[in-house]
Amino acid sequence: MPEPATSDYLRLSYRPDLALLFMRWTRPATSEEHRQGYWAALTLARQEQAGQWLIDLRSRGLADPIDLQWVLQEFRQELQKALPTAARRIAYLATPFHADILRPRLAELDQDPANSTQVQVFTEEQPAQQWLLG
């Protein structure tokens, strides 16, 4: 298994046995760190052709609404371009409080007919991994 990419705010790793990319935030991130973290994850995803992502927000909390919009609009398009033939699924792992806030914010993504990336929010890791592998 390749060594994970780490910084003081993010740990990235890929599990080839599960074909899953793990993006674990370790603290609240600035807007710049947020975007840098997603770009670093996309680089790893391209390298591994990894369309299934588990993004752990529990130590970080939610992104600023502007950064969330960036993920839902611009970054999602870049992910689609980078992995056009891969099934793309993103599982956000959040605290119950943050999950209740995040779910309605992500609902707009599901209403975009051009979207081909499925996104779900979970409060436990095992169900998130099961959904990603399903």
N, C-alpha and C. Protein backbone atom coordinates (compact mmCIF):
# COMPACT_ATOMS: atom_id res chain seq x y z
N MET A 1 0.85 -1.18 0.00
CA MET A 1 0.00 0.00 0.00
C MET A 1 0.90 1.24 0.00
N PRO A 2 0.60 2.23 -0.86
CA PRO A 2 1.42 3.43 -0.88
C PRO A 2 1.30 4.21 0.42
N GLU A 3 2.38 4.92 0.74
CA GLU A 3 2.36 5.77 1.92
C GLU A 3 1.34 6.90 1.73
N PRO A 4 0.59 7.22 2.77
CA PRO A 4 -0.38 8.30 2.64
C PRO A 4 0.32 9.66 2.56
N ALA A 5 -0.32 10.56 1.84
CA ALA A 5 0.15 11.94 1.81
C ALA A 5 -0.41 12.63 3.06
N THR A 6 0.45 13.34 3.76
CA THR A 6 -0.01 13.98 4.98
C THR A 6 0.40 15.45 5.01
N SER A 7 -0.35 16.20 5.75
CA SER A 7 -0.01 17.57 6.10
C SER A 7 -0.52 17.75 7.52
N ASP A 8 -0.41 18.95 8.04
CA ASP A 8 -0.91 19.13 9.41
C ASP A 8 -2.44 19.22 9.43
N TYR A 9 -3.08 19.31 8.27
CA TYR A 9 -4.54 19.43 8.25
C TYR A 9 -5.24 18.30 7.49
N LEU A 10 -4.48 17.44 6.79
CA LEU A 10 -5.12 16.42 5.95
C LEU A 10 -4.22 15.20 5.80
N ARG A 11 -4.85 14.02 5.87
CA ARG A 11 -4.17 12.76 5.55
C ARG A 11 -4.88 12.14 4.36
N LEU A 12 -4.13 11.85 3.32
CA LEU A 12 -4.68 11.19 2.13
C LEU A 12 -4.08 9.80 2.01
N SER A 13 -4.92 8.85 1.67
CA SER A 13 -4.40 7.51 1.42
C SER A 13 -5.33 6.80 0.45
N TYR A 14 -4.80 5.76 -0.15
CA TYR A 14 -5.58 4.94 -1.08
C TYR A 14 -5.43 3.49 -0.65
N ARG A 15 -6.56 2.80 -0.56
CA ARG A 15 -6.56 1.38 -0.21
C ARG A 15 -6.85 0.57 -1.47
N PRO A 16 -5.82 0.00 -2.10
CA PRO A 16 -6.06 -0.75 -3.33
C PRO A 16 -6.93 -1.99 -3.12
N ASP A 17 -6.87 -2.57 -1.91
CA ASP A 17 -7.69 -3.75 -1.64
C ASP A 17 -9.18 -3.42 -1.65
N LEU A 18 -9.52 -2.17 -1.33
CA LEU A 18 -10.92 -1.72 -1.34
C LEU A 18 -11.21 -0.80 -2.52
N ALA A 19 -10.17 -0.34 -3.20
CA ALA A 19 -10.29 0.65 -4.27
C ALA A 19 -10.96 1.92 -3.75
N LEU A 20 -10.54 2.35 -2.54
CA LEU A 20 -11.10 3.54 -1.91
C LEU A 20 -10.00 4.57 -1.62
N LEU A 21 -10.33 5.82 -1.89
CA LEU A 21 -9.47 6.94 -1.51
C LEU A 21 -10.01 7.50 -0.20
N PHE A 22 -9.12 7.67 0.76
CA PHE A 22 -9.49 8.22 2.06
C PHE A 22 -8.91 9.61 2.20
N MET A 23 -9.76 10.55 2.57
CA MET A 23 -9.38 11.94 2.75
C MET A 23 -9.82 12.30 4.17
N ARG A 24 -8.85 12.34 5.09
CA ARG A 24 -9.18 12.57 6.50
C ARG A 24 -8.64 13.93 6.94
N TRP A 25 -9.56 14.85 7.18
CA TRP A 25 -9.18 16.17 7.68
C TRP A 25 -8.84 16.02 9.15
N THR A 26 -7.76 16.65 9.60
CA THR A 26 -7.32 16.49 10.98
C THR A 26 -7.59 17.71 11.85
N ARG A 27 -7.98 18.81 11.22
CA ARG A 27 -8.32 20.03 11.95
C ARG A 27 -9.10 20.94 11.02
N PRO A 28 -9.72 22.00 11.55
CA PRO A 28 -10.37 22.96 10.66
C PRO A 28 -9.35 23.51 9.66
N ALA A 29 -9.80 23.71 8.44
CA ALA A 29 -8.91 24.16 7.37
C ALA A 29 -9.33 25.53 6.86
N THR A 30 -8.35 26.30 6.44
CA THR A 30 -8.64 27.58 5.79
C THR A 30 -9.21 27.29 4.41
N SER A 31 -9.74 28.30 3.77
CA SER A 31 -10.26 28.14 2.41
C SER A 31 -9.16 27.66 1.47
N GLU A 32 -7.98 28.22 1.60
CA GLU A 32 -6.86 27.81 0.74
C GLU A 32 -6.48 26.35 1.01
N GLU A 33 -6.41 25.95 2.27
CA GLU A 33 -6.09 24.55 2.61
C GLU A 33 -7.17 23.61 2.10
N HIS A 34 -8.41 24.04 2.21
CA HIS A 34 -9.54 23.24 1.73
C HIS A 34 -9.34 22.91 0.25
N ARG A 35 -9.09 23.91 -0.55
CA ARG A 35 -8.93 23.70 -1.99
C ARG A 35 -7.65 22.93 -2.29
N GLN A 36 -6.57 23.22 -1.60
CA GLN A 36 -5.33 22.47 -1.81
C GLN A 36 -5.53 20.99 -1.48
N GLY A 37 -6.28 20.73 -0.42
CA GLY A 37 -6.54 19.35 -0.03
C GLY A 37 -7.32 18.60 -1.09
N TYR A 38 -8.34 19.23 -1.65
CA TYR A 38 -9.11 18.58 -2.71
C TYR A 38 -8.27 18.37 -3.96
N TRP A 39 -7.41 19.34 -4.31
CA TRP A 39 -6.55 19.16 -5.49
C TRP A 39 -5.57 18.02 -5.26
N ALA A 40 -5.02 17.92 -4.05
CA ALA A 40 -4.10 16.82 -3.74
C ALA A 40 -4.82 15.48 -3.84
N ALA A 41 -6.05 15.42 -3.35
CA ALA A 41 -6.85 14.19 -3.44
C ALA A 41 -7.12 13.84 -4.89
N LEU A 42 -7.39 14.85 -5.71
CA LEU A 42 -7.66 14.59 -7.13
C LEU A 42 -6.42 14.04 -7.83
N THR A 43 -5.25 14.54 -7.46
CA THR A 43 -4.00 14.01 -8.03
C THR A 43 -3.85 12.53 -7.69
N LEU A 44 -4.09 12.17 -6.44
CA LEU A 44 -4.01 10.77 -6.03
C LEU A 44 -5.09 9.95 -6.73
N ALA A 45 -6.29 10.48 -6.85
CA ALA A 45 -7.38 9.76 -7.50
C ALA A 45 -7.05 9.48 -8.97
N ARG A 46 -6.48 10.46 -9.65
CA ARG A 46 -6.08 10.25 -11.05
C ARG A 46 -5.05 9.13 -11.15
N GLN A 47 -4.07 9.19 -10.28
CA GLN A 47 -2.99 8.20 -10.27
C GLN A 47 -3.54 6.79 -10.07
N GLU A 48 -4.49 6.65 -9.17
CA GLU A 48 -5.03 5.33 -8.82
C GLU A 48 -6.32 4.99 -9.56
N GLN A 49 -6.85 5.95 -10.33
CA GLN A 49 -8.16 5.81 -10.97
C GLN A 49 -9.23 5.48 -9.93
N ALA A 50 -9.20 6.26 -8.86
CA ALA A 50 -10.08 6.04 -7.70
C ALA A 50 -11.28 6.97 -7.76
N GLY A 51 -12.43 6.42 -8.02
CA GLY A 51 -13.66 7.20 -8.06
C GLY A 51 -14.46 7.14 -6.77
N GLN A 52 -14.09 6.26 -5.87
CA GLN A 52 -14.81 6.09 -4.60
C GLN A 52 -14.00 6.78 -3.50
N TRP A 53 -14.60 7.81 -2.88
CA TRP A 53 -13.89 8.61 -1.88
C TRP A 53 -14.65 8.59 -0.56
N LEU A 54 -13.90 8.41 0.55
CA LEU A 54 -14.46 8.62 1.87
C LEU A 54 -13.78 9.86 2.44
N ILE A 55 -14.57 10.89 2.70
CA ILE A 55 -14.05 12.16 3.21
C ILE A 55 -14.52 12.32 4.65
N ASP A 56 -13.55 12.27 5.56
CA ASP A 56 -13.84 12.31 6.99
C ASP A 56 -13.74 13.76 7.49
N LEU A 57 -14.90 14.31 7.84
CA LEU A 57 -14.98 15.70 8.30
C LEU A 57 -15.07 15.82 9.82
N ARG A 58 -15.04 14.70 10.53
CA ARG A 58 -15.33 14.74 11.96
C ARG A 58 -14.37 15.61 12.77
N SER A 59 -13.09 15.65 12.42
CA SER A 59 -12.14 16.49 13.15
C SER A 59 -12.09 17.91 12.62
N ARG A 60 -12.67 18.12 11.49
CA ARG A 60 -12.59 19.40 10.83
C ARG A 60 -13.84 20.24 10.96
N GLY A 61 -14.99 19.59 10.83
CA GLY A 61 -16.23 20.34 10.77
C GLY A 61 -16.55 20.67 9.32
N LEU A 62 -17.57 21.48 9.12
CA LEU A 62 -18.03 21.79 7.78
C LEU A 62 -17.23 22.92 7.15
N ALA A 63 -17.16 22.89 5.84
CA ALA A 63 -16.49 23.94 5.09
C ALA A 63 -17.36 25.19 5.08
N ASP A 64 -16.73 26.30 4.83
CA ASP A 64 -17.44 27.55 4.61
C ASP A 64 -18.41 27.35 3.44
N PRO A 65 -19.59 27.96 3.46
CA PRO A 65 -20.55 27.77 2.35
C PRO A 65 -19.96 28.06 0.97
N ILE A 66 -19.07 29.03 0.86
CA ILE A 66 -18.44 29.33 -0.44
C ILE A 66 -17.56 28.17 -0.89
N ASP A 67 -16.85 27.56 0.06
CA ASP A 67 -16.00 26.42 -0.29
C ASP A 67 -16.84 25.19 -0.64
N LEU A 68 -17.96 25.02 0.02
CA LEU A 68 -18.85 23.92 -0.33
C LEU A 68 -19.39 24.12 -1.75
N GLN A 69 -19.78 25.33 -2.09
CA GLN A 69 -20.25 25.62 -3.45
C GLN A 69 -19.16 25.32 -4.47
N TRP A 70 -17.93 25.64 -4.13
CA TRP A 70 -16.81 25.35 -5.03
C TRP A 70 -16.71 23.84 -5.27
N VAL A 71 -16.85 23.04 -4.20
CA VAL A 71 -16.80 21.59 -4.34
C VAL A 71 -17.96 21.11 -5.23
N LEU A 72 -19.16 21.61 -4.96
CA LEU A 72 -20.35 21.13 -5.68
C LEU A 72 -20.37 21.54 -7.14
N GLN A 73 -19.76 22.65 -7.47
CA GLN A 73 -19.80 23.13 -8.84
C GLN A 73 -18.48 22.87 -9.57
N GLU A 74 -17.47 23.63 -9.23
CA GLU A 74 -16.21 23.56 -9.97
C GLU A 74 -15.45 22.25 -9.76
N PHE A 75 -15.25 21.86 -8.50
CA PHE A 75 -14.45 20.67 -8.26
C PHE A 75 -15.13 19.41 -8.78
N ARG A 76 -16.42 19.32 -8.62
CA ARG A 76 -17.15 18.14 -9.11
C ARG A 76 -16.93 17.97 -10.61
N GLN A 77 -16.91 19.07 -11.35
CA GLN A 77 -16.66 19.00 -12.80
C GLN A 77 -15.24 18.52 -13.08
N GLU A 78 -14.29 18.98 -12.28
CA GLU A 78 -12.90 18.54 -12.46
C GLU A 78 -12.75 17.05 -12.14
N LEU A 79 -13.47 16.57 -11.14
CA LEU A 79 -13.44 15.16 -10.81
C LEU A 79 -14.00 14.34 -11.96
N GLN A 80 -15.07 14.81 -12.54
CA GLN A 80 -15.69 14.12 -13.67
C GLN A 80 -14.73 14.08 -14.86
N LYS A 81 -14.05 15.19 -15.13
CA LYS A 81 -13.08 15.24 -16.24
C LYS A 81 -11.89 14.31 -15.98
N ALA A 82 -11.43 14.27 -14.73
CA ALA A 82 -10.26 13.48 -14.37
C ALA A 82 -10.53 11.98 -14.42
N LEU A 83 -11.77 11.59 -14.09
CA LEU A 83 -12.14 10.17 -14.03
C LEU A 83 -13.41 9.93 -14.84
N PRO A 84 -13.39 10.16 -16.15
CA PRO A 84 -14.63 10.11 -16.92
C PRO A 84 -15.28 8.73 -16.99
N THR A 85 -14.50 7.68 -16.87
CA THR A 85 -15.09 6.34 -16.99
C THR A 85 -15.31 5.65 -15.65
N ALA A 86 -14.83 6.26 -14.57
CA ALA A 86 -14.96 5.65 -13.24
C ALA A 86 -16.32 5.98 -12.65
N ALA A 87 -16.86 5.03 -11.89
CA ALA A 87 -18.04 5.33 -11.08
C ALA A 87 -17.56 6.25 -9.97
N ARG A 88 -18.21 7.38 -9.82
CA ARG A 88 -17.77 8.37 -8.82
C ARG A 88 -18.80 8.44 -7.69
N ARG A 89 -18.31 8.12 -6.50
CA ARG A 89 -19.13 8.19 -5.29
C ARG A 89 -18.30 8.84 -4.20
N ILE A 90 -18.93 9.77 -3.48
CA ILE A 90 -18.28 10.43 -2.36
C ILE A 90 -19.14 10.22 -1.12
N ALA A 91 -18.51 9.66 -0.08
CA ALA A 91 -19.18 9.49 1.20
C ALA A 91 -18.53 10.46 2.19
N TYR A 92 -19.33 11.39 2.68
CA TYR A 92 -18.86 12.30 3.72
C TYR A 92 -19.16 11.68 5.07
N LEU A 93 -18.16 11.63 5.92
CA LEU A 93 -18.31 11.12 7.27
C LEU A 93 -18.29 12.33 8.21
N ALA A 94 -19.40 12.55 8.91
CA ALA A 94 -19.55 13.75 9.73
C ALA A 94 -20.15 13.39 11.09
N THR A 95 -20.02 14.31 12.03
CA THR A 95 -20.70 14.15 13.31
C THR A 95 -22.21 14.23 13.05
N PRO A 96 -23.04 13.68 13.92
CA PRO A 96 -24.50 13.76 13.69
C PRO A 96 -24.99 15.21 13.51
N PHE A 97 -24.47 16.13 14.31
CA PHE A 97 -24.89 17.52 14.20
C PHE A 97 -24.55 18.08 12.82
N HIS A 98 -23.31 17.87 12.37
CA HIS A 98 -22.90 18.37 11.06
C HIS A 98 -23.57 17.63 9.92
N ALA A 99 -23.86 16.35 10.11
CA ALA A 99 -24.56 15.59 9.06
C ALA A 99 -25.94 16.20 8.81
N ASP A 100 -26.63 16.60 9.86
CA ASP A 100 -27.96 17.20 9.71
C ASP A 100 -27.90 18.54 8.98
N ILE A 101 -26.80 19.24 9.09
CA ILE A 101 -26.62 20.51 8.37
C ILE A 101 -26.20 20.25 6.92
N LEU A 102 -25.33 19.26 6.73
CA LEU A 102 -24.76 19.00 5.41
C LEU A 102 -25.74 18.36 4.43
N ARG A 103 -26.59 17.47 4.92
CA ARG A 103 -27.50 16.75 4.01
C ARG A 103 -28.35 17.70 3.15
N PRO A 104 -29.02 18.70 3.72
CA PRO A 104 -29.82 19.58 2.86
C PRO A 104 -28.96 20.42 1.91
N ARG A 105 -27.75 20.76 2.35
CA ARG A 105 -26.86 21.53 1.47
C ARG A 105 -26.46 20.71 0.25
N LEU A 106 -26.28 19.42 0.44
CA LEU A 106 -25.90 18.56 -0.67
C LEU A 106 -27.08 18.19 -1.56
N ALA A 107 -28.29 18.40 -1.07
CA ALA A 107 -29.47 18.02 -1.85
C ALA A 107 -29.49 18.71 -3.21
N GLU A 108 -28.98 19.93 -3.29
CA GLU A 108 -28.95 20.63 -4.58
C GLU A 108 -28.10 19.89 -5.60
N LEU A 109 -27.08 19.18 -5.15
CA LEU A 109 -26.25 18.40 -6.06
C LEU A 109 -27.07 17.32 -6.73
N ASP A 110 -27.93 16.68 -5.99
CA ASP A 110 -28.76 15.61 -6.54
C ASP A 110 -29.77 16.11 -7.57
N GLN A 111 -30.06 17.39 -7.57
CA GLN A 111 -31.04 17.94 -8.51
C GLN A 111 -30.40 18.40 -9.82
N ASP A 112 -29.08 18.32 -9.93
CA ASP A 112 -28.37 18.73 -11.14
C ASP A 112 -28.39 17.57 -12.13
N PRO A 113 -29.09 17.72 -13.29
CA PRO A 113 -29.17 16.60 -14.23
C PRO A 113 -27.82 16.25 -14.86
N ALA A 114 -26.86 17.16 -14.85
CA ALA A 114 -25.55 16.88 -15.42
C ALA A 114 -24.63 16.15 -14.43
N ASN A 115 -25.08 16.00 -13.20
CA ASN A 115 -24.26 15.38 -12.18
C ASN A 115 -24.21 13.86 -12.36
N SER A 116 -23.01 13.33 -12.32
CA SER A 116 -22.86 11.88 -12.35
C SER A 116 -22.01 11.39 -11.18
N THR A 117 -21.93 12.20 -10.15
CA THR A 117 -21.21 11.83 -8.93
C THR A 117 -22.22 11.72 -7.80
N GLN A 118 -22.34 10.52 -7.25
CA GLN A 118 -23.25 10.31 -6.13
C GLN A 118 -22.58 10.74 -4.84
N VAL A 119 -23.35 11.40 -3.98
CA VAL A 119 -22.82 11.88 -2.70
C VAL A 119 -23.81 11.51 -1.60
N GLN A 120 -23.28 10.98 -0.51
CA GLN A 120 -24.09 10.65 0.67
C GLN A 120 -23.34 11.12 1.91
N VAL A 121 -24.09 11.35 2.98
CA VAL A 121 -23.51 11.75 4.26
C VAL A 121 -23.77 10.62 5.26
N PHE A 122 -22.75 10.29 6.03
CA PHE A 122 -22.84 9.22 7.02
C PHE A 122 -22.28 9.70 8.35
N THR A 123 -22.70 9.06 9.41
CA THR A 123 -22.17 9.37 10.74
C THR A 123 -21.32 8.22 11.28
N GLU A 124 -21.26 7.11 10.55
CA GLU A 124 -20.44 5.96 10.94
C GLU A 124 -19.66 5.47 9.72
N GLU A 125 -18.43 5.05 9.95
CA GLU A 125 -17.55 4.69 8.84
C GLU A 125 -17.95 3.40 8.13
N GLN A 126 -18.36 2.39 8.86
CA GLN A 126 -18.68 1.12 8.21
C GLN A 126 -19.82 1.25 7.19
N PRO A 127 -20.95 1.87 7.52
CA PRO A 127 -21.99 2.05 6.50
C PRO A 127 -21.51 2.89 5.31
N ALA A 128 -20.64 3.85 5.57
CA ALA A 128 -20.10 4.67 4.47
C ALA A 128 -19.28 3.79 3.53
N GLN A 129 -18.42 2.96 4.07
CA GLN A 129 -17.61 2.08 3.23
C GLN A 129 -18.49 1.08 2.49
N GLN A 130 -19.49 0.54 3.15
CA GLN A 130 -20.38 -0.41 2.50
C GLN A 130 -21.10 0.24 1.31
N TRP A 131 -21.56 1.46 1.48
CA TRP A 131 -22.22 2.18 0.39
C TRP A 131 -21.24 2.43 -0.76
N LEU A 132 -20.02 2.83 -0.43
CA LEU A 132 -19.03 3.08 -1.48
C LEU A 132 -18.71 1.81 -2.26
N LEU A 133 -18.66 0.70 -1.58
CA LEU A 133 -18.32 -0.56 -2.23
C LEU A 133 -19.51 -1.22 -2.91
N GLY A 134 -20.72 -0.74 -2.59
CA GLY A 134 -21.95 -1.32 -3.13
C GLY A 134 -22.15 -0.95 -4.52
